[in-house]
Amino acid sequence: MTYPTIEDKILDDGRISDWLAGQIKVTRELDLSQAIDDVRKLQVILDKRMDRKIQERKTFKTQVDLKVIDL
């Protein structure tokens, strides 16, 4: 089976991560609807991770910005 030339150009370009290049190759053997469903699930996981990181940064920033009360 031949794959779109654009995929090979993206793979050969070298501007994407090794992980993403690997996913492109692996998903060639999968049903497209299943691959898209998996990517959507991954997006939800990564969005939650990002939200947690942002919340952790905000919490750390507010703790660092607390002023010391001089009694």
PDB file of N, CA and C in Angstrom:
ATOM      1  N   MET A   1       0.847  -1.180   0.000  1.00  0.00           N
ATOM      2  CA  MET A   1       0.000   0.000   0.000  1.00  0.00           C
ATOM      3  C   MET A   1       0.890   1.239   0.000  1.00  0.00           C
ATOM      4  N   THR A   2       0.530   2.194  -0.801  1.00  0.00           N
ATOM      5  CA  THR A   2       1.295   3.441  -0.816  1.00  0.00           C
ATOM      6  C   THR A   2       0.590   4.473   0.051  1.00  0.00           C
ATOM      7  N   TYR A   3       1.367   5.319   0.634  1.00  0.00           N
ATOM      8  CA  TYR A   3       0.838   6.347   1.521  1.00  0.00           C
ATOM      9  C   TYR A   3       1.029   7.703   0.875  1.00  0.00           C
ATOM     10  N   PRO A   4       0.222   8.656   1.275  1.00  0.00           N
ATOM     11  CA  PRO A   4       0.328   9.982   0.667  1.00  0.00           C
ATOM     12  C   PRO A   4       1.739  10.539   0.731  1.00  0.00           C
ATOM     13  N   THR A   5       2.150  11.147  -0.340  1.00  0.00           N
ATOM     14  CA  THR A   5       3.484  11.730  -0.407  1.00  0.00           C
ATOM     15  C   THR A   5       3.697  12.744   0.706  1.00  0.00           C
ATOM     16  N   ILE A   6       2.632  13.449   1.097  1.00  0.00           N
ATOM     17  CA  ILE A   6       2.764  14.454   2.145  1.00  0.00           C
ATOM     18  C   ILE A   6       3.243  13.821   3.449  1.00  0.00           C
ATOM     19  N   GLU A   7       2.787  12.617   3.749  1.00  0.00           N
ATOM     20  CA  GLU A   7       3.253  11.934   4.966  1.00  0.00           C
ATOM     21  C   GLU A   7       4.756  11.706   4.913  1.00  0.00           C
ATOM     22  N   ASP A   8       5.226  11.208   3.796  1.00  0.00           N
ATOM     23  CA  ASP A   8       6.665  10.955   3.667  1.00  0.00           C
ATOM     24  C   ASP A   8       7.460  12.258   3.742  1.00  0.00           C
ATOM     25  N   LYS A   9       6.926  13.334   3.160  1.00  0.00           N
ATOM     26  CA  LYS A   9       7.619  14.626   3.245  1.00  0.00           C
ATOM     27  C   LYS A   9       7.706  15.091   4.690  1.00  0.00           C
ATOM     28  N   ILE A  10       6.615  14.910   5.438  1.00  0.00           N
ATOM     29  CA  ILE A  10       6.613  15.296   6.853  1.00  0.00           C
ATOM     30  C   ILE A  10       7.633  14.463   7.633  1.00  0.00           C
ATOM     31  N   LEU A  11       7.655  13.167   7.373  1.00  0.00           N
ATOM     32  CA  LEU A  11       8.598  12.285   8.067  1.00  0.00           C
ATOM     33  C   LEU A  11      10.047  12.635   7.733  1.00  0.00           C
ATOM     34  N   ASP A  12      10.296  12.918   6.468  1.00  0.00           N
ATOM     35  CA  ASP A  12      11.659  13.221   6.019  1.00  0.00           C
ATOM     36  C   ASP A  12      12.113  14.623   6.415  1.00  0.00           C
ATOM     37  N   ASP A  13      11.150  15.494   6.670  1.00  0.00           N
ATOM     38  CA  ASP A  13      11.448  16.892   6.966  1.00  0.00           C
ATOM     39  C   ASP A  13      12.266  17.037   8.253  1.00  0.00           C
ATOM     40  N   GLY A  14      11.934  16.213   9.260  1.00  0.00           N
ATOM     41  CA  GLY A  14      12.695  16.247  10.513  1.00  0.00           C
ATOM     42  C   GLY A  14      12.259  17.321  11.497  1.00  0.00           C
ATOM     43  N   ARG A  15      11.163  18.012  11.221  1.00  0.00           N
ATOM     44  CA  ARG A  15      10.722  19.071  12.137  1.00  0.00           C
ATOM     45  C   ARG A  15       9.722  18.587  13.172  1.00  0.00           C
ATOM     46  N   ILE A  16       9.328  17.317  13.109  1.00  0.00           N
ATOM     47  CA  ILE A  16       8.424  16.775  14.120  1.00  0.00           C
ATOM     48  C   ILE A  16       9.228  15.858  15.039  1.00  0.00           C
ATOM     49  N   SER A  17       8.676  15.601  16.207  1.00  0.00           N
ATOM     50  CA  SER A  17       9.382  14.772  17.181  1.00  0.00           C
ATOM     51  C   SER A  17       9.464  13.325  16.692  1.00  0.00           C
ATOM     52  N   ASP A  18      10.428  12.608  17.229  1.00  0.00           N
ATOM     53  CA  ASP A  18      10.566  11.188  16.893  1.00  0.00           C
ATOM     54  C   ASP A  18       9.303  10.425  17.288  1.00  0.00           C
ATOM     55  N   TRP A  19       8.711  10.827  18.423  1.00  0.00           N
ATOM     56  CA  TRP A  19       7.494  10.163  18.887  1.00  0.00           C
ATOM     57  C   TRP A  19       6.373  10.318  17.857  1.00  0.00           C
ATOM     58  N   LEU A  20       6.181  11.544  17.368  1.00  0.00           N
ATOM     59  CA  LEU A  20       5.113  11.790  16.399  1.00  0.00           C
ATOM     60  C   LEU A  20       5.389  11.057  15.086  1.00  0.00           C
ATOM     61  N   ALA A  21       6.627  11.054  14.668  1.00  0.00           N
ATOM     62  CA  ALA A  21       6.978  10.318  13.448  1.00  0.00           C
ATOM     63  C   ALA A  21       6.654   8.834  13.615  1.00  0.00           C
ATOM     64  N   GLY A  22       6.951   8.309  14.794  1.00  0.00           N
ATOM     65  CA  GLY A  22       6.628   6.905  15.079  1.00  0.00           C
ATOM     66  C   GLY A  22       5.128   6.645  15.035  1.00  0.00           C
ATOM     67  N   GLN A  23       4.348   7.597  15.560  1.00  0.00           N
ATOM     68  CA  GLN A  23       2.889   7.441  15.551  1.00  0.00           C
ATOM     69  C   GLN A  23       2.332   7.463  14.129  1.00  0.00           C
ATOM     70  N   ILE A  24       2.909   8.295  13.300  1.00  0.00           N
ATOM     71  CA  ILE A  24       2.470   8.344  11.899  1.00  0.00           C
ATOM     72  C   ILE A  24       2.676   6.980  11.249  1.00  0.00           C
ATOM     73  N   LYS A  25       3.838   6.381  11.500  1.00  0.00           N
ATOM     74  CA  LYS A  25       4.134   5.072  10.895  1.00  0.00           C
ATOM     75  C   LYS A  25       3.240   3.980  11.464  1.00  0.00           C
ATOM     76  N   VAL A  26       3.052   3.987  12.791  1.00  0.00           N
ATOM     77  CA  VAL A  26       2.246   2.942  13.430  1.00  0.00           C
ATOM     78  C   VAL A  26       0.783   3.015  13.005  1.00  0.00           C
ATOM     79  N   THR A  27       0.254   4.222  12.888  1.00  0.00           N
ATOM     80  CA  THR A  27      -1.162   4.355  12.561  1.00  0.00           C
ATOM     81  C   THR A  27      -1.469   4.013  11.107  1.00  0.00           C
ATOM     82  N   ARG A  28      -0.466   3.836  10.306  1.00  0.00           N
ATOM     83  CA  ARG A  28      -0.706   3.404   8.916  1.00  0.00           C
ATOM     84  C   ARG A  28      -1.364   2.034   8.885  1.00  0.00           C
ATOM     85  N   GLU A  29      -1.130   1.241   9.901  1.00  0.00           N
ATOM     86  CA  GLU A  29      -1.676  -0.115   9.959  1.00  0.00           C
ATOM     87  C   GLU A  29      -3.025  -0.169  10.670  1.00  0.00           C
ATOM     88  N   LEU A  30      -3.498   0.958  11.234  1.00  0.00           N
ATOM     89  CA  LEU A  30      -4.749   0.975  11.982  1.00  0.00           C
ATOM     90  C   LEU A  30      -5.894   1.522  11.155  1.00  0.00           C
ATOM     91  N   ASP A  31      -7.104   1.172  11.593  1.00  0.00           N
ATOM     92  CA  ASP A  31      -8.300   1.768  11.032  1.00  0.00           C
ATOM     93  C   ASP A  31      -8.267   3.256  11.376  1.00  0.00           C
ATOM     94  N   LEU A  32      -8.518   4.110  10.393  1.00  0.00           N
ATOM     95  CA  LEU A  32      -8.420   5.557  10.606  1.00  0.00           C
ATOM     96  C   LEU A  32      -9.354   6.058  11.695  1.00  0.00           C
ATOM     97  N   SER A  33     -10.572   5.549  11.745  1.00  0.00           N
ATOM     98  CA  SER A  33     -11.513   6.028  12.764  1.00  0.00           C
ATOM     99  C   SER A  33     -11.014   5.672  14.165  1.00  0.00           C
ATOM    100  N   GLN A  34     -10.391   4.504  14.314  1.00  0.00           N
ATOM    101  CA  GLN A  34      -9.829   4.113  15.613  1.00  0.00           C
ATOM    102  C   GLN A  34      -8.645   5.007  15.978  1.00  0.00           C
ATOM    103  N   ALA A  35      -7.793   5.304  15.015  1.00  0.00           N
ATOM    104  CA  ALA A  35      -6.647   6.176  15.267  1.00  0.00           C
ATOM    105  C   ALA A  35      -7.111   7.570  15.680  1.00  0.00           C
ATOM    106  N   ILE A  36      -8.132   8.096  14.997  1.00  0.00           N
ATOM    107  CA  ILE A  36      -8.653   9.425  15.332  1.00  0.00           C
ATOM    108  C   ILE A  36      -9.270   9.413  16.720  1.00  0.00           C
ATOM    109  N   ASP A  37      -9.996   8.354  17.069  1.00  0.00           N
ATOM    110  CA  ASP A  37     -10.585   8.230  18.407  1.00  0.00           C
ATOM    111  C   ASP A  37      -9.492   8.211  19.469  1.00  0.00           C
ATOM    112  N   ASP A  38      -8.421   7.465  19.214  1.00  0.00           N
ATOM    113  CA  ASP A  38      -7.303   7.411  20.163  1.00  0.00           C
ATOM    114  C   ASP A  38      -6.640   8.782  20.328  1.00  0.00           C
ATOM    115  N   VAL A  39      -6.500   9.515  19.223  1.00  0.00           N
ATOM    116  CA  VAL A  39      -5.894  10.851  19.291  1.00  0.00           C
ATOM    117  C   VAL A  39      -6.778  11.786  20.118  1.00  0.00           C
ATOM    118  N   ARG A  40      -8.070  11.673  19.966  1.00  0.00           N
ATOM    119  CA  ARG A  40      -8.985  12.505  20.761  1.00  0.00           C
ATOM    120  C   ARG A  40      -8.865  12.179  22.250  1.00  0.00           C
ATOM    121  N   LYS A  41      -8.748  10.893  22.566  1.00  0.00           N
ATOM    122  CA  LYS A  41      -8.563  10.490  23.967  1.00  0.00           C
ATOM    123  C   LYS A  41      -7.251  11.045  24.505  1.00  0.00           C
ATOM    124  N   LEU A  42      -6.213  10.983  23.690  1.00  0.00           N
ATOM    125  CA  LEU A  42      -4.919  11.531  24.097  1.00  0.00           C
ATOM    126  C   LEU A  42      -5.021  13.033  24.319  1.00  0.00           C
ATOM    127  N   GLN A  43      -5.771  13.718  23.477  1.00  0.00           N
ATOM    128  CA  GLN A  43      -5.940  15.161  23.632  1.00  0.00           C
ATOM    129  C   GLN A  43      -6.595  15.495  24.975  1.00  0.00           C
ATOM    130  N   VAL A  44      -7.603  14.727  25.360  1.00  0.00           N
ATOM    131  CA  VAL A  44      -8.265  14.954  26.650  1.00  0.00           C
ATOM    132  C   VAL A  44      -7.262  14.774  27.795  1.00  0.00           C
ATOM    133  N   ILE A  45      -6.464  13.726  27.718  1.00  0.00           N
ATOM    134  CA  ILE A  45      -5.461  13.466  28.758  1.00  0.00           C
ATOM    135  C   ILE A  45      -4.448  14.606  28.814  1.00  0.00           C
ATOM    136  N   LEU A  46      -3.958  15.042  27.666  1.00  0.00           N
ATOM    137  CA  LEU A  46      -2.963  16.115  27.632  1.00  0.00           C
ATOM    138  C   LEU A  46      -3.551  17.451  28.082  1.00  0.00           C
ATOM    139  N   ASP A  47      -4.813  17.715  27.722  1.00  0.00           N
ATOM    140  CA  ASP A  47      -5.472  18.940  28.183  1.00  0.00           C
ATOM    141  C   ASP A  47      -5.583  18.949  29.703  1.00  0.00           C
ATOM    142  N   LYS A  48      -5.952  17.810  30.284  1.00  0.00           N
ATOM    143  CA  LYS A  48      -6.054  17.720  31.751  1.00  0.00           C
ATOM    144  C   LYS A  48      -4.681  17.906  32.391  1.00  0.00           C
ATOM    145  N   ARG A  49      -3.660  17.341  31.772  1.00  0.00           N
ATOM    146  CA  ARG A  49      -2.294  17.498  32.285  1.00  0.00           C
ATOM    147  C   ARG A  49      -1.878  18.966  32.255  1.00  0.00           C
ATOM    148  N   MET A  50      -2.204  19.636  31.145  1.00  0.00           N
ATOM    149  CA  MET A  50      -1.873  21.049  31.008  1.00  0.00           C
ATOM    150  C   MET A  50      -2.605  21.878  32.064  1.00  0.00           C
ATOM    151  N   ASP A  51      -3.883  21.593  32.255  1.00  0.00           N
ATOM    152  CA  ASP A  51      -4.661  22.308  33.273  1.00  0.00           C
ATOM    153  C   ASP A  51      -4.053  22.124  34.658  1.00  0.00           C
ATOM    154  N   ARG A  52      -3.630  20.896  34.954  1.00  0.00           N
ATOM    155  CA  ARG A  52      -3.011  20.622  36.253  1.00  0.00           C
ATOM    156  C   ARG A  52      -1.710  21.393  36.410  1.00  0.00           C
ATOM    157  N   LYS A  53      -0.899  21.436  35.354  1.00  0.00           N
ATOM    158  CA  LYS A  53       0.370  22.169  35.407  1.00  0.00           C
ATOM    159  C   LYS A  53       0.126  23.661  35.626  1.00  0.00           C
ATOM    160  N   ILE A  54      -0.864  24.201  34.921  1.00  0.00           N
ATOM    161  CA  ILE A  54      -1.187  25.624  35.072  1.00  0.00           C
ATOM    162  C   ILE A  54      -1.641  25.895  36.499  1.00  0.00           C
ATOM    163  N   GLN A  55      -2.490  25.021  37.037  1.00  0.00           N
ATOM    164  CA  GLN A  55      -2.983  25.193  38.404  1.00  0.00           C
ATOM    165  C   GLN A  55      -1.831  25.108  39.401  1.00  0.00           C
ATOM    166  N   GLU A  56      -0.904  24.183  39.175  1.00  0.00           N
ATOM    167  CA  GLU A  56       0.253  24.051  40.071  1.00  0.00           C
ATOM    168  C   GLU A  56       1.101  25.317  40.026  1.00  0.00           C
ATOM    169  N   ARG A  57       1.296  25.879  38.847  1.00  0.00           N
ATOM    170  CA  ARG A  57       2.077  27.117  38.723  1.00  0.00           C
ATOM    171  C   ARG A  57       1.399  28.269  39.446  1.00  0.00           C
ATOM    172  N   LYS A  58       0.077  28.366  39.276  1.00  0.00           N
ATOM    173  CA  LYS A  58      -0.665  29.438  39.943  1.00  0.00           C
ATOM    174  C   LYS A  58      -0.575  29.284  41.460  1.00  0.00           C
ATOM    175  N   THR A  59      -0.715  28.061  41.941  1.00  0.00           N
ATOM    176  CA  THR A  59      -0.629  27.802  43.375  1.00  0.00           C
ATOM    177  C   THR A  59       0.757  28.155  43.883  1.00  0.00           C
ATOM    178  N   PHE A  60       1.795  27.746  43.175  1.00  0.00           N
ATOM    179  CA  PHE A  60       3.167  28.050  43.574  1.00  0.00           C
ATOM    180  C   PHE A  60       3.399  29.559  43.564  1.00  0.00           C
ATOM    181  N   LYS A  61       2.897  30.237  42.528  1.00  0.00           N
ATOM    182  CA  LYS A  61       3.087  31.682  42.429  1.00  0.00           C
ATOM    183  C   LYS A  61       2.423  32.401  43.596  1.00  0.00           C
ATOM    184  N   THR A  62       1.210  31.996  43.967  1.00  0.00           N
ATOM    185  CA  THR A  62       0.546  32.671  45.085  1.00  0.00           C
ATOM    186  C   THR A  62       1.262  32.383  46.391  1.00  0.00           C
ATOM    187  N   GLN A  63       1.849  31.193  46.530  1.00  0.00           N
ATOM    188  CA  GLN A  63       2.600  30.900  47.751  1.00  0.00           C
ATOM    189  C   GLN A  63       3.877  31.703  47.814  1.00  0.00           C
ATOM    190  N   VAL A  64       4.509  31.917  46.697  1.00  0.00           N
ATOM    191  CA  VAL A  64       5.763  32.655  46.654  1.00  0.00           C
ATOM    192  C   VAL A  64       5.490  34.151  46.862  1.00  0.00           C
ATOM    193  N   ASP A  65       4.342  34.640  46.368  1.00  0.00           N
ATOM    194  CA  ASP A  65       4.030  36.065  46.460  1.00  0.00           C
ATOM    195  C   ASP A  65       3.527  36.492  47.830  1.00  0.00           C
ATOM    196  N   LEU A  66       3.305  35.545  48.740  1.00  0.00           N
ATOM    197  CA  LEU A  66       2.812  35.912  50.067  1.00  0.00           C
ATOM    198  C   LEU A  66       3.850  36.782  50.780  1.00  0.00           C
ATOM    199  N   LYS A  67       3.369  37.831  51.387  1.00  0.00           N
ATOM    200  CA  LYS A  67       4.271  38.726  52.101  1.00  0.00           C
ATOM    201  C   LYS A  67       4.424  38.237  53.544  1.00  0.00           C
ATOM    202  N   VAL A  68       5.590  38.382  54.062  1.00  0.00           N
ATOM    203  CA  VAL A  68       5.856  37.968  55.433  1.00  0.00           C
ATOM    204  C   VAL A  68       5.336  39.066  56.362  1.00  0.00           C
ATOM    205  N   ILE A  69       4.595  38.634  57.370  1.00  0.00           N
ATOM    206  CA  ILE A  69       4.073  39.609  58.349  1.00  0.00           C
ATOM    207  C   ILE A  69       5.122  39.786  59.438  1.00  0.00           C
ATOM    208  N   ASP A  70       5.521  41.003  59.611  1.00  0.00           N
ATOM    209  CA  ASP A  70       6.531  41.324  60.604  1.00  0.00           C
ATOM    210  C   ASP A  70       5.834  41.697  61.902  1.00  0.00           C
ATOM    211  N   LEU A  71       5.965  40.852  62.895  1.00  0.00           N
ATOM    212  CA  LEU A  71       5.325  41.139  64.180  1.00  0.00           C
ATOM    213  C   LEU A  71       6.269  41.914  65.010  1.00  0.00           C
TER     214      LEU A  71
END
